[in-house]
Amino acid sequence: MSTSTVPVPSDTTLSRPRRWAALAVLTASLLVITMDMTILNIALPQMAGELHPTAQQQLWIIDVYSLVLAGLLVSSAAIADRWGRRRMLLLGYSIFAVASILVLFADSAAMVIGIRALLGVGGAMIMPTTLSLIRVIFTSPRERATALSIWAAVSGLGAAVGPLVGGVLLEHFSWHAAFLVNVPLMVIGIVAGLFFLPESRVANPGRWDAVAAVLSLVGMVALVWGIKEFGKEASFAVPAAWAAVAVAAAAMSWFVVRCLRRDDPLLELRLFRSRPFSAGIIAALGATFSMIAAMLLIAQWLQLVNGSSPVEAGVSLIPVAIAGAIASLLAPPLARLIGARTVLAGGLALAAAGMIWIGVAGAGLTFGSVLVALTLVGAGTGSLAIGSAMIMSSTPEEKAGNAGALEETSYELGGTLGVAVLGSIAALVYRAELQADAVLDALDPALAEQATESLGAAVAIADGVGSTELAARAGEAFTASLQIAGYAGGALMLAVAVLVFVLTPRGTNVTGGH
């Protein structure tokens, strides 16, 4: 069954000021979403002190957002194609605002988990729809590449600004402020969206495939949950996680077969026949796999080894965002000069060099060397703006929602896999290094075992027993684990860079230059 898109004004009829005003609305909402993903890390200790969640509830507070988001990305994009992308986006804004207001009534950990799940529903409506609307609004390849570079720059800035905003808010207000800050921003987004965003929908999208929608929900939730469980245990001997992965494999296999057999699939997987599209997805998946895990490990190193406060650690991560934002904005004009595949593959190689630099520094890792590594990683991942442009430029307008869902899924899945795999490698190295140290002999066996579980536990135990030597040895073991994670992540990103360069056809043009 053929599909077509209800036309929106083209570049010649949708005025230039309105196009860029629409982008401002879309990127502002993205800033709120990415800030919200990181601001919780700062608010969680104070929230835990007031609500007294169990350890399991704390994990659910963190994880439920990404579980719901991953499960609903495909269905939300498909519904937006049918119902209207602007409508879906504004509904997502509304849900995000309402869920944030509900925190005023949260008097238990269970209610906070419910609110975080509702935020995930709103996020799933917002994230892919921003990308599909950019594809529809900017029909000029040159303008679209610039718009996507701004989108990528804002996404990185939001992730870095989140901890800073959280720290400032918590110095003056309660943990509720970390949620309530979303409300006025989303209200402004709703009003501005009504004025500046055009409506866009696929005129003949085909029948709604309820079975495929359920399969995508079950498959993605099971997969993300299973991967997270492996990461938490730092082990692959987790029967429940394997069961979840098996369910995910069965559901996603059925989903893929069903989509490929239909003329009007819920998700157009035939988009992967385009080499630039596939290269863009692989770049997003591989980059987030390495980068997200590295950022988490470095944040721990800054606080527990280097002695930075949470806010100071947040400030230390700003170079990643600044370098990434600058590189994102420079990527389109650079691609016009030397080609899209060179910029994307070269950027990934630069980020790989930053990761490997952490490994090379080894036991001599200092804040200065971390700063150099972070700047390289940030500058390199700025090239993902070109990857996004490759994805969207390779996609017909009526399939923009599908492309947005696949790109966002690759970011989500890449980050989750990276934290699980690289985090597990780091945990195993840390445990092996510390277990081999004689400093544990002076501890009670139960405390010694706890100290090998995590750096945070070792530092807490060291404070409790007054052992500066334990804290120092644990810091050295963690630095060794960060070194191995740097080598592993850098090697993987370098392999992704080579694959992207080989896969992307020579002469691929996503900026409209000559």
Protein backbone atom coordinates (compact mmCIF):
# COMPACT_ATOMS: atom_id res chain seq x y z
CA MET A 1 0.00 0.00 0.00
CA SER A 2 1.46 3.36 -0.94
CA THR A 3 1.65 6.16 1.53
CA SER A 4 1.73 9.90 1.19
CA THR A 5 2.05 12.80 3.53
CA VAL A 6 -0.46 15.55 4.07
CA PRO A 7 1.50 18.46 2.65
CA VAL A 8 2.80 21.19 4.86
CA PRO A 9 4.01 24.49 3.44
CA SER A 10 7.31 24.09 1.62
CA ASP A 11 10.36 26.27 2.18
CA THR A 12 8.90 28.74 -0.30
CA THR A 13 5.58 29.20 1.55
CA LEU A 14 6.57 28.54 5.18
CA SER A 15 8.52 31.69 5.92
CA ARG A 16 12.14 31.47 6.98
CA PRO A 17 11.47 33.16 10.36
CA ARG A 18 8.69 30.67 11.08
CA ARG A 19 10.88 27.70 10.18
CA TRP A 20 13.56 28.77 12.64
CA ALA A 21 10.97 29.71 15.25
CA ALA A 22 9.59 26.17 14.92
CA LEU A 23 13.11 24.79 15.42
CA ALA A 24 13.48 26.93 18.55
CA VAL A 25 10.31 25.34 19.97
CA LEU A 26 11.50 21.82 19.12
CA THR A 27 15.01 22.26 20.52
CA ALA A 28 13.79 24.01 23.68
CA SER A 29 11.61 21.02 24.51
CA LEU A 30 14.54 18.71 23.77
CA LEU A 31 16.63 20.73 26.23
CA VAL A 32 14.04 20.10 28.95
CA ILE A 33 13.92 16.36 28.21
CA THR A 34 17.70 15.88 28.23
CA MET A 35 18.07 18.01 31.37
CA ASP A 36 15.44 15.88 33.08
CA MET A 37 17.39 12.71 32.30
CA THR A 38 20.39 13.92 34.31
CA ILE A 39 18.89 16.24 36.92
CA LEU A 40 17.43 13.26 38.80
CA ASN A 41 20.92 12.03 39.67
CA ILE A 42 21.42 15.17 41.78
CA ALA A 43 17.95 15.09 43.36
CA LEU A 44 17.92 11.39 44.25
CA PRO A 45 19.89 11.53 47.54
CA GLN A 46 17.61 14.22 49.02
CA MET A 47 14.53 12.43 47.73
CA ALA A 48 15.73 9.17 49.28
CA GLY A 49 16.28 10.92 52.61
CA GLU A 50 12.65 12.08 52.67
CA LEU A 51 10.79 9.12 51.14
CA HIS A 52 13.05 6.27 52.37
CA PRO A 53 12.75 4.07 49.26
CA THR A 54 14.16 0.57 49.34
CA ALA A 55 17.24 -0.17 47.22
CA GLN A 56 14.98 -1.83 44.65
CA GLN A 57 12.65 1.18 44.55
CA GLN A 58 15.60 3.51 43.98
CA LEU A 59 16.60 1.45 40.96
CA TRP A 60 13.05 1.60 39.63
CA ILE A 61 12.93 5.38 40.09
CA ILE A 62 15.98 5.61 37.85
CA ASP A 63 15.12 2.87 35.34
CA VAL A 64 11.37 3.11 34.76
CA TYR A 65 11.68 6.23 32.62
CA SER A 66 13.97 4.60 30.06
CA LEU A 67 11.96 1.36 30.09
CA VAL A 68 8.72 3.14 29.22
CA LEU A 69 10.45 5.43 26.73
CA ALA A 70 12.08 2.54 24.88
CA GLY A 71 8.86 0.53 24.80
CA LEU A 72 6.71 3.32 23.35
CA LEU A 73 9.01 5.02 20.83
CA VAL A 74 7.86 2.99 17.81
CA SER A 75 4.15 3.10 18.61
CA SER A 76 4.21 6.81 19.47
CA ALA A 77 5.84 7.65 16.15
CA ALA A 78 3.33 5.50 14.26
CA ILE A 79 0.38 7.11 16.03
CA ALA A 80 1.82 10.57 15.31
CA ASP A 81 1.97 9.72 11.59
CA ARG A 82 -1.76 8.98 11.67
CA TRP A 83 -3.12 11.45 14.24
CA GLY A 84 -0.80 14.38 13.56
CA ARG A 85 2.79 15.02 14.58
CA ARG A 86 2.12 18.43 16.10
CA ARG A 87 -0.80 17.01 18.09
CA MET A 88 1.34 14.19 19.38
CA LEU A 89 4.14 16.57 20.33
CA LEU A 90 1.81 18.94 22.21
CA LEU A 91 0.17 15.99 23.98
CA GLY A 92 3.66 14.87 25.03
CA TYR A 93 4.37 18.35 26.38
CA SER A 94 1.10 18.27 28.31
CA ILE A 95 1.75 14.85 29.83
CA PHE A 96 5.26 15.93 30.81
CA ALA A 97 3.91 19.06 32.51
CA VAL A 98 1.08 17.23 34.34
CA ALA A 99 3.42 14.46 35.52
CA SER A 100 5.83 17.09 36.85
CA ILE A 101 3.03 18.85 38.78
CA LEU A 102 1.96 15.54 40.34
CA VAL A 103 5.26 15.42 42.23
CA LEU A 104 3.72 17.92 44.68
CA PHE A 105 1.45 15.10 45.86
CA ALA A 106 4.13 12.39 45.91
CA ASP A 107 4.45 11.05 49.44
CA SER A 108 5.91 7.65 48.63
CA ALA A 109 8.56 6.07 46.44
CA ALA A 110 5.85 4.15 44.58
CA MET A 111 4.20 7.40 43.51
CA VAL A 112 7.52 8.82 42.29
CA ILE A 113 8.01 5.65 40.23
CA GLY A 114 4.56 6.19 38.71
CA ILE A 115 5.39 9.81 37.92
CA ARG A 116 8.67 8.80 36.28
CA ALA A 117 6.77 6.25 34.17
CA LEU A 118 4.33 8.98 33.07
CA LEU A 119 7.28 11.21 32.17
CA GLY A 120 8.54 8.33 30.03
CA VAL A 121 5.22 8.28 28.16
CA GLY A 122 5.57 12.00 27.46
CA GLY A 123 9.21 11.60 26.44
CA ALA A 124 8.33 8.84 23.96
CA MET A 125 5.84 11.19 22.32
CA ILE A 126 8.28 14.09 22.17
CA MET A 127 11.66 12.64 21.18
CA PRO A 128 10.98 11.02 17.76
CA THR A 129 8.40 13.65 16.84
CA THR A 130 10.92 16.50 17.10
CA LEU A 131 13.10 14.74 14.52
CA SER A 132 10.24 13.93 12.14
CA LEU A 133 8.98 17.52 12.25
CA ILE A 134 12.46 18.84 11.48
CA ARG A 135 12.51 16.50 8.46
CA VAL A 136 9.12 17.82 7.31
CA ILE A 137 9.66 21.54 8.01
CA PHE A 138 13.13 21.82 6.47
CA THR A 139 12.90 20.49 2.93
CA SER A 140 16.17 22.16 1.88
CA PRO A 141 19.05 19.75 2.62
CA ARG A 142 21.34 22.63 3.60
CA GLU A 143 18.88 24.09 6.10
CA ARG A 144 17.93 20.65 7.38
CA ALA A 145 21.56 19.79 8.12
CA THR A 146 21.96 23.07 10.01
CA ALA A 147 18.73 22.47 11.92
CA LEU A 148 19.81 18.96 12.91
CA SER A 149 23.22 20.26 14.00
CA ILE A 150 21.47 22.73 16.33
CA TRP A 151 19.23 19.90 17.58
CA ALA A 152 22.31 17.78 18.36
CA ALA A 153 24.11 20.69 20.06
CA VAL A 154 21.15 21.42 22.33
CA SER A 155 20.80 17.73 23.23
CA GLY A 156 24.39 17.63 24.47
CA LEU A 157 24.06 20.91 26.35
CA GLY A 158 20.95 19.67 28.13
CA ALA A 159 22.69 16.59 29.44
CA ALA A 160 25.53 18.72 30.84
CA VAL A 161 23.39 21.54 32.20
CA GLY A 162 21.05 19.15 34.04
CA PRO A 163 23.34 18.44 37.02
CA LEU A 164 24.20 22.14 37.34
CA VAL A 165 20.55 23.23 37.32
CA GLY A 166 19.76 20.43 39.77
CA GLY A 167 22.53 21.49 42.10
CA VAL A 168 21.44 25.15 42.10
CA LEU A 169 17.78 24.25 42.66
CA LEU A 170 18.54 21.88 45.52
CA GLU A 171 20.63 24.51 47.27
CA HIS A 172 17.53 26.72 47.55
CA PHE A 173 14.52 24.38 47.27
CA SER A 174 13.43 20.79 47.98
CA TRP A 175 13.90 17.88 45.56
CA HIS A 176 10.44 18.62 44.12
CA ALA A 177 11.99 21.55 42.25
CA ALA A 178 13.90 19.12 40.01
CA PHE A 179 10.52 18.09 38.58
CA LEU A 180 8.61 21.37 38.84
CA VAL A 181 11.16 23.24 36.73
CA ASN A 182 9.68 21.36 33.74
CA VAL A 183 6.20 22.87 34.14
CA PRO A 184 6.64 26.50 33.00
CA LEU A 185 8.98 25.41 30.21
CA MET A 186 6.46 22.90 28.86
CA VAL A 187 3.60 25.40 29.10
CA ILE A 188 5.64 27.86 27.04
CA GLY A 189 6.34 25.03 24.58
CA ILE A 190 2.62 24.27 24.18
CA VAL A 191 1.72 27.90 23.50
CA ALA A 192 4.65 28.44 21.11
CA GLY A 193 3.94 25.13 19.36
CA LEU A 194 0.36 26.17 18.62
CA PHE A 195 1.66 29.31 16.93
CA PHE A 196 4.75 28.12 15.08
CA LEU A 197 4.56 24.37 14.39
CA PRO A 198 2.73 23.15 11.27
CA GLU A 199 0.59 20.04 11.41
CA SER A 200 1.87 17.02 9.50
CA ARG A 201 0.49 13.53 9.07
CA VAL A 202 0.64 10.64 6.61
CA ALA A 203 -2.52 10.70 4.51
CA ASN A 204 -2.72 6.93 3.88
CA PRO A 205 -0.64 5.23 6.55
CA GLY A 206 -2.33 1.84 6.27
CA ARG A 207 -4.06 -0.20 8.94
CA TRP A 208 -3.01 0.08 12.56
CA ASP A 209 -1.09 -3.07 13.51
CA ALA A 210 -1.99 -3.66 17.16
CA VAL A 211 -0.06 -6.94 17.30
CA ALA A 212 3.15 -5.25 16.11
CA ALA A 213 2.63 -2.43 18.61
CA VAL A 214 2.38 -4.93 21.48
CA LEU A 215 5.40 -6.85 20.19
CA SER A 216 7.54 -3.69 20.02
CA LEU A 217 6.49 -2.73 23.56
CA VAL A 218 7.16 -6.17 25.05
CA GLY A 219 10.38 -6.70 23.07
CA MET A 220 12.00 -3.36 23.86
CA VAL A 221 11.00 -3.29 27.54
CA ALA A 222 12.24 -6.85 28.05
CA LEU A 223 15.49 -6.16 26.19
CA VAL A 224 16.30 -2.93 28.05
CA TRP A 225 15.36 -4.43 31.42
CA GLY A 226 17.47 -7.54 30.79
CA ILE A 227 20.50 -5.51 29.75
CA LYS A 228 20.16 -3.26 32.81
CA GLU A 229 20.02 -6.34 35.08
CA PHE A 230 23.26 -7.67 33.61
CA GLY A 231 24.84 -4.28 34.23
CA LYS A 232 23.64 -4.01 37.84
CA GLU A 233 25.01 -7.44 38.73
CA ALA A 234 28.20 -6.90 36.69
CA SER A 235 27.76 -10.51 35.67
CA PHE A 236 26.16 -12.56 32.94
CA ALA A 237 25.09 -15.25 35.42
CA VAL A 238 21.66 -13.66 35.91
CA PRO A 239 18.86 -16.12 35.00
CA ALA A 240 16.08 -13.49 35.16
CA ALA A 241 17.98 -11.25 32.75
CA TRP A 242 18.54 -14.12 30.32
CA ALA A 243 14.82 -14.94 30.49
CA ALA A 244 14.01 -11.30 29.65
CA VAL A 245 16.46 -11.30 26.74
CA ALA A 246 14.90 -14.53 25.44
CA VAL A 247 11.44 -12.95 25.57
CA ALA A 248 12.82 -9.87 23.80
CA ALA A 249 14.45 -11.98 21.09
CA ALA A 250 11.21 -13.86 20.42
CA ALA A 251 9.06 -10.73 20.42
CA MET A 252 11.42 -8.66 18.27
CA SER A 253 11.95 -11.51 15.78
CA TRP A 254 8.19 -11.83 15.34
CA PHE A 255 7.98 -8.03 15.04
CA VAL A 256 10.65 -7.89 12.31
CA VAL A 257 9.07 -10.71 10.29
CA ARG A 258 5.63 -9.12 10.61
CA CYS A 259 6.89 -5.70 9.49
CA LEU A 260 8.81 -7.10 6.51
CA ARG A 261 5.80 -9.10 5.30
CA ARG A 262 3.35 -6.20 5.34
CA ASP A 263 2.94 -3.53 2.68
CA ASP A 264 1.97 -1.06 5.44
CA PRO A 265 4.23 -1.99 8.38
CA LEU A 266 4.12 -0.29 11.75
CA LEU A 267 7.87 0.34 11.35
CA GLU A 268 9.47 0.52 7.90
CA LEU A 269 12.57 -1.64 8.39
CA ARG A 270 13.32 -1.48 4.67
CA LEU A 271 14.88 1.92 5.40
CA PHE A 272 18.01 -0.06 6.31
CA ARG A 273 18.46 -0.83 2.61
CA SER A 274 19.89 2.69 2.36
CA ARG A 275 23.58 2.60 3.22
CA PRO A 276 23.73 6.20 4.51
CA PHE A 277 20.70 5.50 6.74
CA SER A 278 22.32 2.34 8.16
CA ALA A 279 25.62 4.15 8.67
CA GLY A 280 23.86 6.92 10.62
CA ILE A 281 22.08 4.44 12.88
CA ILE A 282 25.29 2.47 13.51
CA ALA A 283 27.12 5.71 14.35
CA ALA A 284 24.45 6.69 16.89
CA LEU A 285 24.39 3.22 18.46
CA GLY A 286 28.17 2.84 18.65
CA ALA A 287 28.89 6.35 19.90
CA THR A 288 26.36 6.24 22.73
CA PHE A 289 27.52 2.72 23.65
CA SER A 290 30.99 4.04 24.43
CA MET A 291 30.27 7.60 25.52
CA ILE A 292 27.41 7.20 28.04
CA ALA A 293 29.25 4.51 30.01
CA ALA A 294 32.47 6.54 29.98
CA MET A 295 30.67 9.65 31.26
CA LEU A 296 29.16 7.71 34.17
CA LEU A 297 32.51 6.20 35.14
CA ILE A 298 34.30 9.54 34.84
CA ALA A 299 31.63 11.24 36.98
CA GLN A 300 32.28 8.64 39.70
CA TRP A 301 36.03 9.13 39.40
CA LEU A 302 35.69 12.89 39.71
CA GLN A 303 33.61 12.63 42.89
CA LEU A 304 35.05 9.62 44.71
CA VAL A 305 38.70 9.71 43.60
CA ASN A 306 39.34 13.31 42.66
CA GLY A 307 37.21 14.61 45.54
CA SER A 308 34.83 16.83 43.56
CA SER A 309 31.32 17.61 44.81
CA PRO A 310 28.38 16.55 42.59
CA VAL A 311 28.02 20.11 41.29
CA GLU A 312 31.78 20.41 40.71
CA ALA A 313 31.68 17.13 38.83
CA GLY A 314 28.85 18.53 36.72
CA VAL A 315 30.92 21.62 35.96
CA SER A 316 33.83 19.37 34.99
CA LEU A 317 31.68 17.65 32.38
CA ILE A 318 30.75 20.93 30.69
CA PRO A 319 33.73 20.77 28.26
CA VAL A 320 32.08 17.73 26.67
CA ALA A 321 28.91 19.71 26.02
CA ILE A 322 30.66 22.85 24.80
CA ALA A 323 33.01 20.95 22.49
CA GLY A 324 30.10 18.85 21.24
CA ALA A 325 27.91 21.91 20.61
CA ILE A 326 30.66 23.72 18.69
CA ALA A 327 31.50 20.60 16.67
CA SER A 328 27.80 19.98 15.90
CA LEU A 329 27.43 23.49 14.48
CA LEU A 330 30.66 23.23 12.47
CA ALA A 331 29.85 19.76 11.11
CA PRO A 332 27.54 20.81 8.20
CA PRO A 333 29.89 23.41 6.66
CA LEU A 334 32.81 21.02 7.18
CA ALA A 335 30.84 18.26 5.44
CA ARG A 336 30.38 20.54 2.43
CA LEU A 337 34.16 20.90 2.24
CA ILE A 338 35.43 17.36 2.84
CA GLY A 339 32.34 15.15 2.61
CA ALA A 340 29.78 13.74 5.03
CA ARG A 341 31.38 10.34 5.52
CA THR A 342 34.80 11.88 6.33
CA VAL A 343 33.27 14.20 8.93
CA LEU A 344 31.19 11.47 10.59
CA ALA A 345 33.88 8.77 10.58
CA GLY A 346 36.59 11.29 11.52
CA GLY A 347 34.53 12.60 14.42
CA LEU A 348 34.00 9.10 15.76
CA ALA A 349 37.74 8.43 15.46
CA LEU A 350 38.44 11.66 17.39
CA ALA A 351 36.07 10.56 20.15
CA ALA A 352 37.81 7.17 20.16
CA ALA A 353 41.12 8.96 20.68
CA GLY A 354 39.65 10.69 23.74
CA MET A 355 38.55 7.37 25.20
CA ILE A 356 41.92 5.75 24.51
CA TRP A 357 43.67 8.77 26.09
CA ILE A 358 42.03 7.77 29.40
CA GLY A 359 43.52 4.32 29.04
CA VAL A 360 46.96 5.64 28.14
CA ALA A 361 47.00 7.93 31.20
CA GLY A 362 46.51 4.85 33.39
CA ALA A 363 47.49 5.18 37.04
CA GLY A 364 48.70 8.72 36.36
CA LEU A 365 45.20 9.91 35.49
CA THR A 366 44.72 13.52 36.56
CA PHE A 367 41.96 16.08 36.20
CA GLY A 368 43.95 17.67 33.38
CA SER A 369 44.14 14.43 31.39
CA VAL A 370 40.43 13.80 32.01
CA LEU A 371 39.68 17.31 30.70
CA VAL A 372 41.64 16.61 27.51
CA ALA A 373 39.84 13.29 27.02
CA LEU A 374 36.40 14.84 27.62
CA THR A 375 37.09 17.63 25.14
CA LEU A 376 38.13 15.13 22.46
CA VAL A 377 35.08 12.95 23.10
CA GLY A 378 32.75 15.96 22.99
CA ALA A 379 34.27 17.35 19.80
CA GLY A 380 34.15 13.94 18.15
CA THR A 381 30.56 13.12 19.00
CA GLY A 382 29.50 16.48 17.56
CA SER A 383 29.79 14.72 14.19
CA LEU A 384 26.64 12.76 15.06
CA ALA A 385 24.76 15.78 13.68
CA ILE A 386 25.88 14.56 10.25
CA GLY A 387 24.76 11.04 11.13
CA SER A 388 21.31 12.40 11.95
CA ALA A 389 21.25 14.33 8.67
CA MET A 390 22.18 11.13 6.81
CA ILE A 391 19.32 9.29 8.50
CA MET A 392 16.74 11.96 7.72
CA SER A 393 17.96 12.77 4.21
CA SER A 394 17.77 9.08 3.28
CA THR A 395 14.16 8.86 4.47
CA PRO A 396 11.03 9.75 2.47
CA GLU A 397 8.97 12.45 4.15
CA GLU A 398 6.10 10.05 4.92
CA LYS A 399 8.54 7.77 6.79
CA ALA A 400 10.07 10.56 8.90
CA GLY A 401 8.34 9.25 12.03
CA ASN A 402 9.83 5.79 11.48
CA ALA A 403 13.28 7.28 11.03
CA GLY A 404 12.93 9.38 14.19
CA ALA A 405 11.85 6.34 16.19
CA LEU A 406 14.76 4.24 14.92
CA GLU A 407 17.30 6.98 15.62
CA GLU A 408 16.03 7.56 19.15
CA THR A 409 15.92 3.81 19.78
CA SER A 410 19.55 3.52 18.69
CA TYR A 411 20.56 6.24 21.17
CA GLU A 412 18.58 4.63 24.00
CA LEU A 413 19.73 1.09 23.27
CA GLY A 414 23.35 2.12 22.71
CA GLY A 415 23.54 3.91 26.05
CA THR A 416 21.90 1.03 27.90
CA LEU A 417 24.19 -1.57 26.31
CA GLY A 418 27.27 0.54 26.97
CA VAL A 419 26.51 1.00 30.66
CA ALA A 420 25.86 -2.73 31.01
CA VAL A 421 28.87 -4.02 29.08
CA LEU A 422 31.56 -1.42 29.80
CA GLY A 423 30.20 -0.90 33.33
CA SER A 424 30.44 -4.64 33.96
CA ILE A 425 33.99 -4.79 32.60
CA ALA A 426 34.98 -1.90 34.86
CA ALA A 427 33.31 -3.52 37.88
CA LEU A 428 35.09 -6.83 37.28
CA VAL A 429 38.49 -5.12 36.93
CA TYR A 430 37.87 -3.03 40.06
CA ARG A 431 36.91 -6.12 42.06
CA ALA A 432 39.93 -8.11 40.86
CA GLU A 433 42.35 -5.23 41.59
CA LEU A 434 41.01 -4.60 45.09
CA GLN A 435 40.71 -8.28 46.04
CA ALA A 436 44.41 -8.69 45.27
CA ASP A 437 45.32 -5.85 47.66
CA ALA A 438 46.49 -6.66 51.19
CA VAL A 439 44.56 -3.67 52.56
CA LEU A 440 41.44 -5.86 52.77
CA ASP A 441 43.14 -8.24 55.22
CA ALA A 442 42.65 -5.72 58.02
CA LEU A 443 38.87 -5.62 57.49
CA ASP A 444 36.06 -7.85 58.67
CA PRO A 445 35.41 -10.36 55.82
CA ALA A 446 31.85 -9.05 55.33
CA LEU A 447 33.08 -5.47 55.04
CA ALA A 448 35.89 -6.52 52.74
CA GLU A 449 33.36 -8.20 50.44
CA GLN A 450 31.20 -5.06 50.41
CA ALA A 451 34.22 -2.90 49.58
CA THR A 452 34.86 -4.93 46.45
CA GLU A 453 31.31 -4.39 45.20
CA SER A 454 31.71 -0.69 44.32
CA LEU A 455 33.95 2.30 44.84
CA GLY A 456 31.14 4.10 46.68
CA ALA A 457 30.85 1.25 49.18
CA ALA A 458 34.62 1.16 49.71
CA VAL A 459 34.79 4.90 50.39
CA ALA A 460 31.87 4.69 52.85
CA ILE A 461 33.52 1.78 54.68
CA ALA A 462 36.86 3.61 54.71
CA ASP A 463 35.16 6.63 56.30
CA GLY A 464 33.46 4.40 58.85
CA VAL A 465 36.60 2.59 59.99
CA GLY A 466 38.90 5.58 59.51
CA SER A 467 41.10 3.91 56.90
CA THR A 468 42.56 6.40 54.44
CA GLU A 469 44.63 3.58 52.96
CA LEU A 470 41.48 1.64 51.96
CA ALA A 471 40.06 4.72 50.25
CA ALA A 472 43.34 5.28 48.41
CA ARG A 473 43.65 1.64 47.30
CA ALA A 474 40.01 1.55 46.18
CA GLY A 475 40.61 4.73 44.19
CA GLU A 476 43.61 3.15 42.49
CA ALA A 477 41.59 0.03 41.66
CA PHE A 478 38.80 2.15 40.18
CA THR A 479 41.29 4.16 38.14
CA ALA A 480 42.63 0.88 36.74
CA SER A 481 39.09 -0.17 35.84
CA LEU A 482 38.49 3.20 34.14
CA GLN A 483 41.68 2.66 32.14
CA ILE A 484 40.45 -0.69 30.78
CA ALA A 485 36.99 0.76 30.04
CA GLY A 486 38.70 3.60 28.15
CA TYR A 487 40.66 1.19 26.00
CA ALA A 488 37.60 -1.01 25.35
CA GLY A 489 35.27 1.88 24.56
CA GLY A 490 37.86 3.59 22.38
CA ALA A 491 38.58 0.43 20.41
CA LEU A 492 34.87 -0.13 19.81
CA MET A 493 34.29 3.46 18.69
CA LEU A 494 37.28 3.24 16.37
CA ALA A 495 35.81 0.08 14.83
CA VAL A 496 32.48 1.90 14.40
CA ALA A 497 34.30 4.78 12.69
CA VAL A 498 35.88 2.39 10.18
CA LEU A 499 32.55 0.63 9.56
CA VAL A 500 30.73 3.93 9.03
CA PHE A 501 33.40 5.13 6.58
CA VAL A 502 33.21 1.88 4.57
CA LEU A 503 29.41 1.73 4.64
CA THR A 504 28.75 5.34 3.63
CA PRO A 505 28.97 5.77 -0.16
CA ARG A 506 31.62 8.13 -1.46
CA GLY A 507 30.09 11.49 -2.33
CA THR A 508 27.18 11.20 0.12
CA ASN A 509 25.77 14.73 0.34
CA VAL A 510 23.43 15.72 3.18
CA THR A 511 24.00 19.50 3.16
CA GLY A 512 23.05 20.47 -0.36
CA GLY A 513 26.56 21.68 -1.18
CA HIS A 514 28.49 20.87 -4.31
